[in-house]
Amino acid sequence: MAKADPTSADVSAIDLSLVQGDLGFHLQRRLRLIPDIGMGTVRRALQLPLSAVLGKVVKALV
């Protein structure tokens, strides 16, 4: 009996995620920017602009 190709019902949402499981996701989770439960979307959305502005603020103070 040949095994059929998996259908969309056989594949979970995590298998098709474009935002979970990559190197950046694991790095942000290790740095505690993403909580253990959930995606931490608000925290991650605020982190990028703040980190971009922080360098300019430090340079202006020096």
N, C-alpha and C. Protein backbone atom coordinates (compact mmCIF):
# COMPACT_ATOMS: atom_id res chain seq x y z
N MET A 1 0.85 -1.17 0.00
CA MET A 1 0.00 0.00 0.00
C MET A 1 0.90 1.24 0.00
N ALA A 2 0.76 2.11 -0.98
CA ALA A 2 1.58 3.32 -1.10
C ALA A 2 1.02 4.41 -0.19
N LYS A 3 1.94 5.17 0.37
CA LYS A 3 1.54 6.26 1.24
C LYS A 3 1.17 7.48 0.39
N ALA A 4 0.03 8.05 0.65
CA ALA A 4 -0.45 9.20 -0.12
C ALA A 4 0.28 10.47 0.33
N ASP A 5 0.28 11.46 -0.54
CA ASP A 5 0.85 12.75 -0.20
C ASP A 5 0.04 13.37 0.93
N PRO A 6 0.72 14.08 1.85
CA PRO A 6 -0.03 14.70 2.95
C PRO A 6 -0.93 15.81 2.43
N THR A 7 -2.10 15.89 3.00
CA THR A 7 -3.03 16.95 2.64
C THR A 7 -2.89 18.09 3.64
N SER A 8 -3.59 19.16 3.41
CA SER A 8 -3.50 20.30 4.32
C SER A 8 -4.01 19.94 5.71
N ALA A 9 -4.88 18.96 5.80
CA ALA A 9 -5.39 18.54 7.11
C ALA A 9 -4.32 17.79 7.89
N ASP A 10 -3.35 17.17 7.18
CA ASP A 10 -2.31 16.40 7.85
C ASP A 10 -1.17 17.28 8.35
N VAL A 11 -1.01 18.47 7.82
CA VAL A 11 0.10 19.34 8.16
C VAL A 11 -0.38 20.36 9.18
N SER A 12 0.33 20.46 10.28
CA SER A 12 -0.07 21.40 11.33
C SER A 12 0.36 22.81 10.95
N ALA A 13 -0.19 23.78 11.67
CA ALA A 13 0.12 25.19 11.40
C ALA A 13 1.57 25.50 11.72
N ILE A 14 2.16 24.84 12.70
CA ILE A 14 3.55 25.09 13.06
C ILE A 14 4.48 24.66 11.93
N ASP A 15 4.15 23.60 11.22
CA ASP A 15 4.99 23.14 10.12
C ASP A 15 5.07 24.17 9.00
N LEU A 16 4.07 25.01 8.86
CA LEU A 16 4.03 25.97 7.78
C LEU A 16 4.32 27.40 8.23
N SER A 17 4.75 27.59 9.46
CA SER A 17 4.97 28.92 10.00
C SER A 17 6.19 29.57 9.37
N LEU A 18 6.05 30.83 8.99
CA LEU A 18 7.16 31.58 8.44
C LEU A 18 7.88 32.41 9.50
N VAL A 19 7.35 32.43 10.73
CA VAL A 19 7.94 33.27 11.77
C VAL A 19 8.45 32.49 12.97
N GLN A 20 8.16 31.21 13.05
CA GLN A 20 8.63 30.42 14.18
C GLN A 20 9.64 29.39 13.71
N GLY A 21 10.68 29.20 14.52
CA GLY A 21 11.62 28.14 14.26
C GLY A 21 12.88 28.56 13.53
N ASP A 22 12.99 29.81 13.09
CA ASP A 22 14.20 30.21 12.41
C ASP A 22 15.24 30.71 13.43
N LEU A 23 16.42 31.05 12.94
CA LEU A 23 17.51 31.46 13.82
C LEU A 23 17.16 32.73 14.60
N GLY A 24 16.54 33.70 13.93
CA GLY A 24 16.16 34.94 14.60
C GLY A 24 15.15 34.72 15.71
N PHE A 25 14.21 33.82 15.49
CA PHE A 25 13.21 33.50 16.51
C PHE A 25 13.88 32.90 17.74
N HIS A 26 14.78 31.94 17.52
CA HIS A 26 15.45 31.31 18.66
C HIS A 26 16.37 32.29 19.39
N LEU A 27 17.02 33.17 18.66
CA LEU A 27 17.89 34.16 19.29
C LEU A 27 17.07 35.13 20.14
N GLN A 28 15.95 35.60 19.61
CA GLN A 28 15.10 36.51 20.37
C GLN A 28 14.49 35.82 21.58
N ARG A 29 14.16 34.56 21.47
CA ARG A 29 13.62 33.83 22.61
C ARG A 29 14.70 33.64 23.68
N ARG A 30 15.94 33.38 23.25
CA ARG A 30 17.04 33.22 24.21
C ARG A 30 17.35 34.52 24.93
N LEU A 31 17.19 35.65 24.24
CA LEU A 31 17.41 36.97 24.85
C LEU A 31 16.19 37.46 25.62
N ARG A 32 15.16 36.61 25.71
CA ARG A 32 13.91 36.88 26.43
C ARG A 32 13.12 38.03 25.82
N LEU A 33 13.26 38.24 24.50
CA LEU A 33 12.43 39.22 23.82
C LEU A 33 11.09 38.61 23.44
N ILE A 34 11.05 37.29 23.32
CA ILE A 34 9.82 36.56 23.03
C ILE A 34 9.53 35.69 24.25
N PRO A 35 8.32 35.78 24.83
CA PRO A 35 8.00 34.94 25.98
C PRO A 35 7.90 33.47 25.60
N ASP A 36 7.95 32.59 26.60
CA ASP A 36 7.84 31.16 26.37
C ASP A 36 6.49 30.76 25.79
N ILE A 37 5.46 31.51 26.16
CA ILE A 37 4.12 31.24 25.64
C ILE A 37 3.70 32.41 24.78
N GLY A 38 3.32 32.16 23.57
CA GLY A 38 2.89 33.22 22.67
C GLY A 38 4.02 33.72 21.80
N MET A 39 3.72 34.74 21.02
CA MET A 39 4.70 35.27 20.07
C MET A 39 5.34 36.56 20.55
N GLY A 40 4.78 37.25 21.52
CA GLY A 40 5.36 38.51 21.99
C GLY A 40 5.37 39.56 20.90
N THR A 41 4.29 39.66 20.17
CA THR A 41 4.24 40.54 19.00
C THR A 41 4.45 42.00 19.37
N VAL A 42 3.81 42.48 20.41
CA VAL A 42 3.96 43.88 20.81
C VAL A 42 5.39 44.15 21.24
N ARG A 43 5.95 43.27 22.03
CA ARG A 43 7.32 43.43 22.51
C ARG A 43 8.31 43.47 21.35
N ARG A 44 8.12 42.60 20.38
CA ARG A 44 9.02 42.55 19.22
C ARG A 44 8.82 43.75 18.31
N ALA A 45 7.57 44.24 18.20
CA ALA A 45 7.30 45.40 17.36
C ALA A 45 7.93 46.67 17.95
N LEU A 46 8.00 46.77 19.25
CA LEU A 46 8.62 47.92 19.90
C LEU A 46 10.14 47.82 19.95
N GLN A 47 10.66 46.63 19.96
CA GLN A 47 12.10 46.41 20.11
C GLN A 47 12.89 46.93 18.92
N LEU A 48 12.44 46.71 17.72
CA LEU A 48 13.18 47.13 16.53
C LEU A 48 13.32 48.64 16.42
N PRO A 49 12.25 49.42 16.51
CA PRO A 49 12.43 50.88 16.42
C PRO A 49 13.24 51.45 17.59
N LEU A 50 13.04 50.90 18.77
CA LEU A 50 13.79 51.41 19.92
C LEU A 50 15.29 51.12 19.78
N SER A 51 15.63 49.96 19.27
CA SER A 51 17.05 49.64 19.10
C SER A 51 17.67 50.50 17.99
N ALA A 52 16.90 50.88 16.99
CA ALA A 52 17.41 51.74 15.92
C ALA A 52 17.65 53.16 16.44
N VAL A 53 16.78 53.65 17.30
CA VAL A 53 16.90 55.01 17.83
C VAL A 53 17.96 55.08 18.92
N LEU A 54 18.16 54.00 19.64
CA LEU A 54 19.10 54.01 20.77
C LEU A 54 20.52 54.38 20.33
N GLY A 55 20.97 53.87 19.22
CA GLY A 55 22.30 54.21 18.72
C GLY A 55 22.46 55.69 18.43
N LYS A 56 21.42 56.30 17.88
CA LYS A 56 21.47 57.73 17.57
C LYS A 56 21.46 58.57 18.85
N VAL A 57 20.72 58.13 19.85
CA VAL A 57 20.67 58.84 21.12
C VAL A 57 22.03 58.80 21.80
N VAL A 58 22.65 57.64 21.82
CA VAL A 58 23.98 57.51 22.45
C VAL A 58 24.99 58.37 21.71
N LYS A 59 24.94 58.36 20.38
CA LYS A 59 25.88 59.16 19.59
C LYS A 59 25.65 60.67 19.85
N ALA A 60 24.42 61.09 20.02
CA ALA A 60 24.13 62.50 20.28
C ALA A 60 24.63 62.93 21.66
N LEU A 61 24.64 62.00 22.61
CA LEU A 61 25.10 62.34 23.96
C LEU A 61 26.61 62.39 24.06
N VAL A 62 27.32 61.74 23.14
CA VAL A 62 28.79 61.68 23.19
C VAL A 62 29.37 62.83 22.48
